[in-house]
Amino acid sequence: MTEQADLMYERYARDITRFPRISLDRERHLSRLIITSRRARTVDRAVNEMVEANLLLVVHCLKDFARFLEFPNVRITNMDLIAEGNIGLLNAARNFDAERAGGEAGGVRFSTYACKSIKNAMRRALKLSRFIHVPEHHFSYWTRMKAL
């Protein structure tokens, strides 16, 4: 990464720490609002609160993809992956249903649900960033090739 990209990443990481985490009860309440409300403004506010509270999750998921950014055929940066992860987080917030995701054990946290969507968005961005198409199941081979 270049020095400018490092500074952008550090500033972004510092800026997102100002958003507070939300409790499980608040998460469930926001989920109900998103699903049941007919007012677009209410839905947007609830989605924004849910997304802002989980922006650190995108940075956490980015760590799983850091090794792929080192390959010369990958033309994508950390900030590009974060942007794609944020889109995945936004989609997860709009589709999360705390009541349906719940069960007898008390339910699934939004972060658990959103992590899969974030990683899928990042994986898709990595896949599309290469000049030569490599099927997704070949990602595990990269680690072996690098070790050789």
N, C-alpha and C. Protein backbone atom coordinates (compact mmCIF):
# COMPACT_ATOMS: atom_id res chain seq x y z
N MET A 1 0.84 -1.19 0.00
CA MET A 1 0.00 0.00 0.00
C MET A 1 0.88 1.24 0.00
N THR A 2 0.38 2.29 -0.61
CA THR A 2 1.12 3.54 -0.62
C THR A 2 0.90 4.27 0.69
N GLU A 3 1.69 5.27 0.91
CA GLU A 3 1.58 6.04 2.14
C GLU A 3 0.23 6.75 2.23
N GLN A 4 -0.24 7.27 1.11
CA GLN A 4 -1.53 7.95 1.10
C GLN A 4 -2.66 6.98 1.42
N ALA A 5 -2.59 5.77 0.88
CA ALA A 5 -3.61 4.76 1.16
C ALA A 5 -3.58 4.37 2.63
N ASP A 6 -2.37 4.29 3.20
CA ASP A 6 -2.25 3.99 4.63
C ASP A 6 -2.92 5.06 5.48
N LEU A 7 -2.70 6.32 5.10
CA LEU A 7 -3.30 7.43 5.85
C LEU A 7 -4.82 7.42 5.73
N MET A 8 -5.32 7.12 4.54
CA MET A 8 -6.77 7.06 4.35
C MET A 8 -7.38 5.94 5.20
N TYR A 9 -6.72 4.79 5.21
CA TYR A 9 -7.21 3.65 5.99
C TYR A 9 -7.19 3.97 7.49
N GLU A 10 -6.10 4.56 7.96
CA GLU A 10 -6.00 4.92 9.38
C GLU A 10 -7.06 5.94 9.77
N ARG A 11 -7.29 6.92 8.93
CA ARG A 11 -8.31 7.94 9.23
C ARG A 11 -9.70 7.31 9.25
N TYR A 12 -9.98 6.44 8.29
CA TYR A 12 -11.28 5.76 8.26
C TYR A 12 -11.47 4.93 9.53
N ALA A 13 -10.44 4.17 9.90
CA ALA A 13 -10.53 3.33 11.10
C ALA A 13 -10.75 4.18 12.35
N ARG A 14 -10.12 5.32 12.40
CA ARG A 14 -10.29 6.22 13.55
C ARG A 14 -11.70 6.85 13.55
N ASP A 15 -12.18 7.22 12.37
CA ASP A 15 -13.49 7.87 12.28
C ASP A 15 -14.65 6.95 12.65
N ILE A 16 -14.56 5.69 12.31
CA ILE A 16 -15.68 4.79 12.58
C ILE A 16 -15.77 4.36 14.04
N THR A 17 -14.72 4.61 14.81
CA THR A 17 -14.77 4.23 16.23
C THR A 17 -15.70 5.15 17.03
N ARG A 18 -16.09 6.25 16.46
CA ARG A 18 -16.97 7.17 17.20
C ARG A 18 -18.42 6.70 17.24
N PHE A 19 -18.77 5.73 16.40
CA PHE A 19 -20.14 5.21 16.40
C PHE A 19 -20.28 4.15 17.49
N PRO A 20 -21.24 4.33 18.39
CA PRO A 20 -21.37 3.36 19.49
C PRO A 20 -22.00 2.05 19.04
N ARG A 21 -21.66 0.99 19.73
CA ARG A 21 -22.28 -0.31 19.49
C ARG A 21 -23.71 -0.25 20.03
N ILE A 22 -24.58 -1.16 19.59
CA ILE A 22 -25.95 -1.19 20.07
C ILE A 22 -26.21 -2.51 20.77
N SER A 23 -27.17 -2.48 21.67
CA SER A 23 -27.49 -3.68 22.44
C SER A 23 -28.33 -4.65 21.61
N LEU A 24 -28.47 -5.85 22.10
CA LEU A 24 -29.27 -6.86 21.41
C LEU A 24 -30.73 -6.43 21.32
N ASP A 25 -31.25 -5.82 22.38
CA ASP A 25 -32.64 -5.34 22.36
C ASP A 25 -32.83 -4.25 21.32
N ARG A 26 -31.88 -3.33 21.24
CA ARG A 26 -31.96 -2.25 20.26
C ARG A 26 -31.88 -2.82 18.84
N GLU A 27 -31.02 -3.82 18.67
CA GLU A 27 -30.86 -4.49 17.38
C GLU A 27 -32.19 -5.10 16.93
N ARG A 28 -32.86 -5.78 17.85
CA ARG A 28 -34.16 -6.40 17.54
C ARG A 28 -35.21 -5.35 17.22
N HIS A 29 -35.20 -4.25 17.98
CA HIS A 29 -36.15 -3.17 17.74
C HIS A 29 -35.94 -2.56 16.35
N LEU A 30 -34.68 -2.30 16.00
CA LEU A 30 -34.39 -1.74 14.68
C LEU A 30 -34.78 -2.71 13.57
N SER A 31 -34.56 -3.99 13.79
CA SER A 31 -34.94 -5.00 12.81
C SER A 31 -36.44 -4.98 12.58
N ARG A 32 -37.20 -4.89 13.66
CA ARG A 32 -38.67 -4.82 13.53
C ARG A 32 -39.09 -3.58 12.77
N LEU A 33 -38.44 -2.45 13.06
CA LEU A 33 -38.77 -1.20 12.35
C LEU A 33 -38.49 -1.33 10.86
N ILE A 34 -37.36 -1.89 10.51
CA ILE A 34 -36.99 -2.03 9.11
C ILE A 34 -37.99 -2.89 8.36
N ILE A 35 -38.44 -3.96 9.00
CA ILE A 35 -39.34 -4.90 8.33
C ILE A 35 -40.78 -4.41 8.29
N THR A 36 -41.25 -3.81 9.38
CA THR A 36 -42.68 -3.50 9.47
C THR A 36 -43.05 -2.08 9.08
N SER A 37 -42.11 -1.14 9.16
CA SER A 37 -42.46 0.25 8.91
C SER A 37 -42.77 0.50 7.44
N ARG A 38 -43.75 1.34 7.21
CA ARG A 38 -44.12 1.71 5.85
C ARG A 38 -43.53 3.07 5.48
N ARG A 39 -42.93 3.73 6.45
CA ARG A 39 -42.35 5.06 6.20
C ARG A 39 -40.87 4.90 5.82
N ALA A 40 -40.55 5.36 4.64
CA ALA A 40 -39.18 5.21 4.12
C ALA A 40 -38.16 5.90 5.01
N ARG A 41 -38.52 7.03 5.56
CA ARG A 41 -37.60 7.77 6.41
C ARG A 41 -37.27 7.01 7.69
N THR A 42 -38.26 6.36 8.28
CA THR A 42 -38.05 5.56 9.48
C THR A 42 -37.15 4.37 9.17
N VAL A 43 -37.41 3.73 8.05
CA VAL A 43 -36.58 2.58 7.64
C VAL A 43 -35.15 3.03 7.41
N ASP A 44 -34.95 4.14 6.72
CA ASP A 44 -33.60 4.63 6.44
C ASP A 44 -32.84 4.96 7.73
N ARG A 45 -33.52 5.58 8.68
CA ARG A 45 -32.88 5.90 9.96
C ARG A 45 -32.47 4.63 10.70
N ALA A 46 -33.35 3.64 10.70
CA ALA A 46 -33.05 2.38 11.40
C ALA A 46 -31.89 1.65 10.71
N VAL A 47 -31.90 1.62 9.39
CA VAL A 47 -30.81 0.97 8.65
C VAL A 47 -29.50 1.70 8.92
N ASN A 48 -29.51 3.03 8.89
CA ASN A 48 -28.30 3.80 9.15
C ASN A 48 -27.75 3.54 10.54
N GLU A 49 -28.61 3.48 11.53
CA GLU A 49 -28.15 3.21 12.90
C GLU A 49 -27.52 1.82 13.00
N MET A 50 -28.16 0.85 12.37
CA MET A 50 -27.64 -0.52 12.40
C MET A 50 -26.30 -0.60 11.67
N VAL A 51 -26.18 0.06 10.53
CA VAL A 51 -24.94 0.03 9.76
C VAL A 51 -23.83 0.76 10.51
N GLU A 52 -24.10 1.95 11.02
CA GLU A 52 -23.08 2.71 11.73
C GLU A 52 -22.55 1.97 12.95
N ALA A 53 -23.42 1.25 13.62
CA ALA A 53 -23.00 0.51 14.81
C ALA A 53 -22.12 -0.69 14.46
N ASN A 54 -22.11 -1.10 13.20
CA ASN A 54 -21.37 -2.30 12.80
C ASN A 54 -20.30 -2.03 11.75
N LEU A 55 -19.88 -0.79 11.58
CA LEU A 55 -18.84 -0.49 10.60
C LEU A 55 -17.50 -1.14 10.95
N LEU A 56 -17.23 -1.30 12.23
CA LEU A 56 -15.99 -1.97 12.64
C LEU A 56 -15.96 -3.42 12.20
N LEU A 57 -17.13 -4.01 12.03
CA LEU A 57 -17.21 -5.39 11.58
C LEU A 57 -16.63 -5.54 10.17
N VAL A 58 -16.81 -4.55 9.34
CA VAL A 58 -16.26 -4.59 7.98
C VAL A 58 -14.74 -4.60 8.04
N VAL A 59 -14.17 -3.76 8.90
CA VAL A 59 -12.71 -3.73 9.05
C VAL A 59 -12.22 -5.07 9.60
N HIS A 60 -12.98 -5.65 10.51
CA HIS A 60 -12.62 -6.97 11.04
C HIS A 60 -12.63 -8.03 9.94
N CYS A 61 -13.64 -8.01 9.10
CA CYS A 61 -13.73 -8.98 8.00
C CYS A 61 -12.63 -8.76 6.96
N LEU A 62 -12.16 -7.54 6.82
CA LEU A 62 -11.10 -7.23 5.87
C LEU A 62 -9.82 -8.01 6.17
N LYS A 63 -9.59 -8.32 7.43
CA LYS A 63 -8.37 -9.03 7.82
C LYS A 63 -8.27 -10.39 7.15
N ASP A 64 -9.40 -11.01 6.86
CA ASP A 64 -9.39 -12.31 6.19
C ASP A 64 -8.93 -12.23 4.74
N PHE A 65 -8.98 -11.03 4.16
CA PHE A 65 -8.65 -10.86 2.75
C PHE A 65 -7.33 -10.13 2.52
N ALA A 66 -6.65 -9.75 3.58
CA ALA A 66 -5.42 -8.96 3.45
C ALA A 66 -4.36 -9.68 2.64
N ARG A 67 -4.25 -10.98 2.80
CA ARG A 67 -3.20 -11.73 2.08
C ARG A 67 -3.44 -11.75 0.57
N PHE A 68 -4.70 -11.65 0.15
CA PHE A 68 -5.00 -11.67 -1.28
C PHE A 68 -4.61 -10.36 -1.96
N LEU A 69 -4.55 -9.28 -1.20
CA LEU A 69 -4.20 -7.98 -1.77
C LEU A 69 -2.74 -7.89 -2.16
N GLU A 70 -1.92 -8.81 -1.66
CA GLU A 70 -0.49 -8.79 -1.95
C GLU A 70 -0.16 -9.37 -3.32
N PHE A 71 -1.07 -10.11 -3.92
CA PHE A 71 -0.79 -10.73 -5.20
C PHE A 71 -0.78 -9.68 -6.31
N PRO A 72 0.15 -9.81 -7.26
CA PRO A 72 0.30 -8.77 -8.28
C PRO A 72 -0.88 -8.69 -9.26
N ASN A 73 -1.64 -9.75 -9.41
CA ASN A 73 -2.75 -9.70 -10.37
C ASN A 73 -4.03 -9.14 -9.77
N VAL A 74 -4.01 -8.77 -8.50
CA VAL A 74 -5.18 -8.19 -7.84
C VAL A 74 -5.06 -6.67 -7.90
N ARG A 75 -6.03 -6.03 -8.51
CA ARG A 75 -6.00 -4.58 -8.70
C ARG A 75 -7.05 -3.90 -7.83
N ILE A 76 -6.95 -4.10 -6.54
CA ILE A 76 -7.93 -3.53 -5.63
C ILE A 76 -7.20 -3.15 -4.33
N THR A 77 -7.69 -2.13 -3.64
CA THR A 77 -7.06 -1.66 -2.41
C THR A 77 -7.91 -2.01 -1.20
N ASN A 78 -7.34 -1.75 -0.03
CA ASN A 78 -8.08 -1.95 1.22
C ASN A 78 -9.38 -1.15 1.24
N MET A 79 -9.27 0.10 0.83
CA MET A 79 -10.43 0.98 0.87
C MET A 79 -11.51 0.53 -0.11
N ASP A 80 -11.11 -0.05 -1.24
CA ASP A 80 -12.08 -0.60 -2.18
C ASP A 80 -12.83 -1.77 -1.56
N LEU A 81 -12.08 -2.63 -0.87
CA LEU A 81 -12.72 -3.77 -0.20
C LEU A 81 -13.63 -3.31 0.93
N ILE A 82 -13.22 -2.27 1.64
CA ILE A 82 -14.07 -1.74 2.70
C ILE A 82 -15.36 -1.19 2.11
N ALA A 83 -15.26 -0.50 0.99
CA ALA A 83 -16.47 0.04 0.34
C ALA A 83 -17.40 -1.10 -0.06
N GLU A 84 -16.85 -2.16 -0.63
CA GLU A 84 -17.68 -3.31 -1.01
C GLU A 84 -18.28 -3.98 0.23
N GLY A 85 -17.48 -4.08 1.29
CA GLY A 85 -17.99 -4.64 2.54
C GLY A 85 -19.11 -3.81 3.14
N ASN A 86 -18.99 -2.48 3.02
CA ASN A 86 -20.05 -1.60 3.52
C ASN A 86 -21.35 -1.80 2.74
N ILE A 87 -21.23 -2.06 1.45
CA ILE A 87 -22.43 -2.35 0.65
C ILE A 87 -23.05 -3.66 1.12
N GLY A 88 -22.21 -4.66 1.39
CA GLY A 88 -22.71 -5.93 1.93
C GLY A 88 -23.37 -5.74 3.29
N LEU A 89 -22.79 -4.87 4.13
CA LEU A 89 -23.36 -4.57 5.44
C LEU A 89 -24.72 -3.89 5.29
N LEU A 90 -24.82 -2.97 4.35
CA LEU A 90 -26.08 -2.27 4.10
C LEU A 90 -27.17 -3.25 3.65
N ASN A 91 -26.82 -4.16 2.75
CA ASN A 91 -27.79 -5.17 2.30
C ASN A 91 -28.20 -6.08 3.45
N ALA A 92 -27.24 -6.45 4.29
CA ALA A 92 -27.56 -7.30 5.43
C ALA A 92 -28.51 -6.59 6.40
N ALA A 93 -28.29 -5.29 6.61
CA ALA A 93 -29.15 -4.53 7.52
C ALA A 93 -30.58 -4.46 6.98
N ARG A 94 -30.73 -4.31 5.68
CA ARG A 94 -32.07 -4.24 5.08
C ARG A 94 -32.79 -5.58 5.10
N ASN A 95 -32.05 -6.69 5.10
CA ASN A 95 -32.67 -8.01 5.03
C ASN A 95 -32.72 -8.75 6.36
N PHE A 96 -32.12 -8.21 7.41
CA PHE A 96 -32.06 -8.92 8.69
C PHE A 96 -33.41 -8.93 9.38
N ASP A 97 -33.83 -10.10 9.78
CA ASP A 97 -35.07 -10.27 10.53
C ASP A 97 -34.71 -10.96 11.83
N ALA A 98 -34.67 -10.21 12.92
CA ALA A 98 -34.25 -10.76 14.21
C ALA A 98 -35.20 -11.85 14.69
N GLU A 99 -36.46 -11.73 14.37
CA GLU A 99 -37.44 -12.73 14.81
C GLU A 99 -37.24 -14.05 14.07
N ARG A 100 -37.01 -13.98 12.78
CA ARG A 100 -36.82 -15.19 11.98
C ARG A 100 -35.45 -15.80 12.24
N ALA A 101 -34.43 -14.96 12.41
CA ALA A 101 -33.08 -15.45 12.68
C ALA A 101 -32.98 -16.02 14.08
N GLY A 102 -33.90 -15.63 14.93
CA GLY A 102 -33.91 -16.14 16.28
C GLY A 102 -34.40 -17.57 16.33
N GLY A 103 -34.27 -18.13 17.44
CA GLY A 103 -34.73 -19.50 17.63
C GLY A 103 -35.04 -19.71 19.08
N GLU A 104 -34.99 -20.91 19.50
CA GLU A 104 -35.25 -21.20 20.90
C GLU A 104 -34.09 -20.74 21.78
N ALA A 105 -32.90 -20.62 21.20
CA ALA A 105 -31.72 -20.25 21.98
C ALA A 105 -31.60 -18.74 22.17
N GLY A 106 -32.52 -17.95 21.66
CA GLY A 106 -32.48 -16.51 21.88
C GLY A 106 -32.11 -15.70 20.67
N GLY A 107 -31.77 -16.33 19.60
CA GLY A 107 -31.56 -15.59 18.36
C GLY A 107 -30.11 -15.39 17.99
N VAL A 108 -29.94 -14.87 16.79
CA VAL A 108 -28.62 -14.61 16.22
C VAL A 108 -28.39 -13.12 16.24
N ARG A 109 -27.19 -12.71 16.61
CA ARG A 109 -26.84 -11.30 16.57
C ARG A 109 -26.69 -10.85 15.13
N PHE A 110 -26.93 -9.58 14.90
CA PHE A 110 -26.81 -9.03 13.55
C PHE A 110 -25.39 -9.19 13.02
N SER A 111 -24.40 -9.04 13.87
CA SER A 111 -23.02 -9.14 13.42
C SER A 111 -22.71 -10.52 12.85
N THR A 112 -23.28 -11.55 13.43
CA THR A 112 -23.09 -12.90 12.92
C THR A 112 -23.74 -13.05 11.55
N TYR A 113 -24.92 -12.50 11.43
CA TYR A 113 -25.66 -12.56 10.17
C TYR A 113 -24.95 -11.75 9.08
N ALA A 114 -24.49 -10.56 9.44
CA ALA A 114 -23.91 -9.64 8.46
C ALA A 114 -22.52 -10.06 7.99
N CYS A 115 -21.79 -10.78 8.81
CA CYS A 115 -20.43 -11.16 8.47
C CYS A 115 -20.39 -11.95 7.15
N LYS A 116 -21.33 -12.83 6.96
CA LYS A 116 -21.36 -13.62 5.72
C LYS A 116 -21.61 -12.73 4.51
N SER A 117 -22.52 -11.79 4.63
CA SER A 117 -22.83 -10.88 3.53
C SER A 117 -21.64 -9.98 3.21
N ILE A 118 -20.95 -9.51 4.23
CA ILE A 118 -19.78 -8.65 4.04
C ILE A 118 -18.68 -9.41 3.32
N LYS A 119 -18.40 -10.62 3.79
CA LYS A 119 -17.34 -11.42 3.17
C LYS A 119 -17.68 -11.81 1.74
N ASN A 120 -18.94 -12.09 1.48
CA ASN A 120 -19.34 -12.41 0.11
C ASN A 120 -19.13 -11.21 -0.82
N ALA A 121 -19.46 -10.01 -0.34
CA ALA A 121 -19.27 -8.81 -1.15
C ALA A 121 -17.78 -8.57 -1.42
N MET A 122 -16.95 -8.78 -0.41
CA MET A 122 -15.51 -8.61 -0.58
C MET A 122 -14.94 -9.67 -1.52
N ARG A 123 -15.40 -10.89 -1.37
CA ARG A 123 -14.94 -11.97 -2.24
C ARG A 123 -15.30 -11.69 -3.70
N ARG A 124 -16.51 -11.21 -3.91
CA ARG A 124 -16.96 -10.89 -5.26
C ARG A 124 -16.12 -9.76 -5.86
N ALA A 125 -15.79 -8.76 -5.05
CA ALA A 125 -14.97 -7.64 -5.53
C ALA A 125 -13.56 -8.12 -5.89
N LEU A 126 -12.99 -8.99 -5.08
CA LEU A 126 -11.68 -9.54 -5.39
C LEU A 126 -11.71 -10.34 -6.69
N LYS A 127 -12.75 -11.12 -6.81
CA LYS A 127 -12.89 -11.97 -7.99
C LYS A 127 -12.98 -11.13 -9.27
N LEU A 128 -13.71 -10.04 -9.21
CA LEU A 128 -13.91 -9.19 -10.38
C LEU A 128 -12.75 -8.22 -10.64
N SER A 129 -11.82 -8.11 -9.70
CA SER A 129 -10.75 -7.14 -9.85
C SER A 129 -9.58 -7.66 -10.66
N ARG A 130 -9.55 -8.93 -10.98
CA ARG A 130 -8.42 -9.52 -11.70
C ARG A 130 -8.64 -9.45 -13.21
N PHE A 131 -7.56 -9.37 -13.93
CA PHE A 131 -7.64 -9.35 -15.39
C PHE A 131 -8.05 -10.71 -15.94
N ILE A 132 -7.53 -11.75 -15.33
CA ILE A 132 -7.83 -13.10 -15.76
C ILE A 132 -8.78 -13.72 -14.76
N HIS A 133 -9.87 -14.27 -15.22
CA HIS A 133 -10.86 -14.86 -14.33
C HIS A 133 -10.34 -16.17 -13.74
N VAL A 134 -10.37 -16.24 -12.42
CA VAL A 134 -10.02 -17.47 -11.70
C VAL A 134 -11.25 -17.87 -10.91
N PRO A 135 -11.70 -19.10 -11.05
CA PRO A 135 -12.89 -19.52 -10.31
C PRO A 135 -12.69 -19.37 -8.80
N GLU A 136 -13.76 -19.10 -8.12
CA GLU A 136 -13.69 -18.79 -6.70
C GLU A 136 -13.10 -19.92 -5.86
N HIS A 137 -13.31 -21.16 -6.26
CA HIS A 137 -12.79 -22.27 -5.46
C HIS A 137 -11.27 -22.40 -5.56
N HIS A 138 -10.64 -21.62 -6.43
CA HIS A 138 -9.19 -21.66 -6.56
C HIS A 138 -8.49 -20.71 -5.60
N PHE A 139 -9.24 -19.93 -4.81
CA PHE A 139 -8.62 -19.01 -3.86
C PHE A 139 -7.73 -19.75 -2.87
N SER A 140 -8.11 -20.95 -2.47
CA SER A 140 -7.30 -21.69 -1.50
C SER A 140 -5.96 -22.11 -2.10
N TYR A 141 -5.89 -22.23 -3.39
CA TYR A 141 -4.64 -22.62 -4.04
C TYR A 141 -3.60 -21.51 -3.98
N TRP A 142 -4.03 -20.27 -3.89
CA TRP A 142 -3.11 -19.15 -3.85
C TRP A 142 -2.17 -19.25 -2.66
N THR A 143 -2.71 -19.65 -1.52
CA THR A 143 -1.89 -19.76 -0.32
C THR A 143 -0.83 -20.83 -0.52
N ARG A 144 -1.20 -21.95 -1.11
CA ARG A 144 -0.23 -23.03 -1.35
C ARG A 144 0.84 -22.59 -2.34
N MET A 145 0.44 -21.87 -3.39
CA MET A 145 1.40 -21.41 -4.38
C MET A 145 2.37 -20.41 -3.76
N LYS A 146 1.89 -19.55 -2.91
CA LYS A 146 2.75 -18.57 -2.26
C LYS A 146 3.76 -19.26 -1.33
N ALA A 147 3.34 -20.32 -0.67
CA ALA A 147 4.23 -21.06 0.21
C ALA A 147 5.36 -21.73 -0.57
N LEU A 148 5.08 -22.15 -1.80
CA LEU A 148 6.11 -22.79 -2.63
C LEU A 148 7.12 -21.78 -3.09
